[in-house]
Protein backbone atom coordinates (compact mmCIF):
# COMPACT_ATOMS: atom_id res chain seq x y z
CA UNK A 1 -0.09 -0.01 -0.09
CA UNK A 2 1.49 3.29 -1.03
CA UNK A 3 0.99 6.79 0.44
CA UNK A 4 -0.64 9.15 -1.86
CA UNK A 5 1.81 11.85 -3.18
CA UNK A 6 -0.38 14.70 -1.84
CA UNK A 7 0.24 13.43 1.80
CA UNK A 8 3.86 13.09 1.66
CA UNK A 9 4.95 16.87 1.61
CA UNK A 10 2.48 17.53 4.57
CA UNK A 11 4.10 14.71 6.39
CA UNK A 12 7.46 16.04 5.75
CA UNK A 13 6.33 19.67 6.65
CA UNK A 14 4.93 18.49 9.94
CA UNK A 15 8.12 16.70 10.78
CA UNK A 16 10.21 19.55 9.98
CA UNK A 17 8.05 21.85 12.14
CA UNK A 18 8.24 19.54 15.02
CA UNK A 19 12.04 19.48 14.57
CA UNK A 20 12.13 23.28 14.61
CA UNK A 21 9.93 23.44 17.63
CA UNK A 22 12.05 21.01 19.63
CA UNK A 23 15.10 23.10 18.62
CA UNK A 24 13.50 26.19 19.65
CA UNK A 25 12.55 24.75 22.98
CA UNK A 26 16.24 23.67 23.58
CA UNK A 27 17.30 27.29 22.74
CA UNK A 28 14.92 28.66 25.22
CA UNK A 29 15.99 26.15 28.02
CA UNK A 30 19.71 26.96 27.31
CA UNK A 31 18.86 30.61 28.38
CA UNK A 32 16.54 29.58 31.39
CA UNK A 33 18.88 26.97 32.96
CA UNK A 34 22.61 27.13 34.02
CA UNK A 35 24.74 24.18 32.81
CA UNK A 36 24.23 22.04 35.95
CA UNK A 37 20.57 22.41 35.88
CA UNK A 38 20.31 21.57 32.15
CA UNK A 39 22.32 18.24 32.86
CA UNK A 40 19.98 17.35 35.76
CA UNK A 41 17.01 18.13 33.47
CA UNK A 42 18.56 15.84 30.73
CA UNK A 43 18.94 13.03 33.54
CA UNK A 44 15.37 13.52 34.54
CA UNK A 45 14.30 13.30 30.82
CA UNK A 46 15.90 9.85 30.44
CA UNK A 47 14.07 8.42 33.42
CA UNK A 48 10.70 10.28 33.46
CA UNK A 49 10.11 12.03 30.10
CA UNK A 50 6.75 13.15 31.21
CA UNK A 51 8.21 14.93 34.18
CA UNK A 52 10.81 16.60 32.20
CA UNK A 53 8.21 17.81 29.67
CA UNK A 54 6.10 19.20 32.41
CA UNK A 55 9.08 21.00 33.85
CA UNK A 56 10.08 22.45 30.39
CA UNK A 57 6.48 23.72 29.93
CA UNK A 58 6.58 25.29 33.34
CA UNK A 59 9.69 27.14 32.68
CA UNK A 60 8.90 28.39 29.32
CA UNK A 61 5.42 29.63 30.56
CA UNK A 62 7.16 31.34 33.64
CA UNK A 63 9.54 33.11 31.28
CA UNK A 64 7.00 34.22 28.83
CA UNK A 65 4.76 35.68 31.43
CA UNK A 66 7.86 37.47 33.05
CA UNK A 67 8.01 35.33 36.20
CA UNK A 68 11.41 34.16 35.14
CA UNK A 69 14.03 36.56 34.46
CA UNK A 70 17.38 35.00 35.08
CA UNK A 71 18.75 31.44 34.66
CA UNK A 72 17.89 29.02 37.21
CA UNK A 73 20.61 26.98 39.03
CA UNK A 74 20.65 23.34 40.03
CA UNK A 75 18.90 23.83 43.57
CA UNK A 76 16.25 26.00 42.05
CA UNK A 77 15.48 23.44 39.43
CA UNK A 78 15.43 20.79 42.21
CA UNK A 79 12.53 22.77 43.87
CA UNK A 80 10.74 23.03 40.77
CA UNK A 81 11.00 19.25 40.15
CA UNK A 82 9.73 18.62 43.64
CA UNK A 83 6.95 20.95 43.30
CA UNK A 84 5.71 19.31 39.94
CA UNK A 85 6.47 15.74 40.79
CA UNK A 86 3.50 13.69 41.73
CA UNK A 87 3.62 12.62 45.41
CA UNK A 88 4.67 9.09 45.85
CA UNK A 89 2.16 6.60 47.31
CA UNK A 90 3.23 4.99 50.50
CA UNK A 91 2.19 1.53 51.28
CA UNK A 92 2.24 0.12 54.76
CA UNK A 93 1.86 -3.66 55.49
CA UNK A 94 0.84 -4.24 59.04
CA UNK A 95 1.93 -7.70 60.08
CA UNK A 96 0.16 -9.02 63.16
């Protein structure tokens, strides 16, 4: 089964737009985070990509609204991660 010719350019265009958007996100994060914080976010992205995406969205929104006007350091990023991370569920087993 072949893909119609009319859909191929739109697929290529959408992939190109997605790549440009990802590159733009990385450039914005380069400005918003110091090198240690960027490394921590990259480590988090490997383990919990959804948490990393939530942090990136939070940082970009904070910067665009003017709440973030300087690069965050590693300790500040840790605080953001803790605030956005879902609380862990604790399980207790009572043995009687």
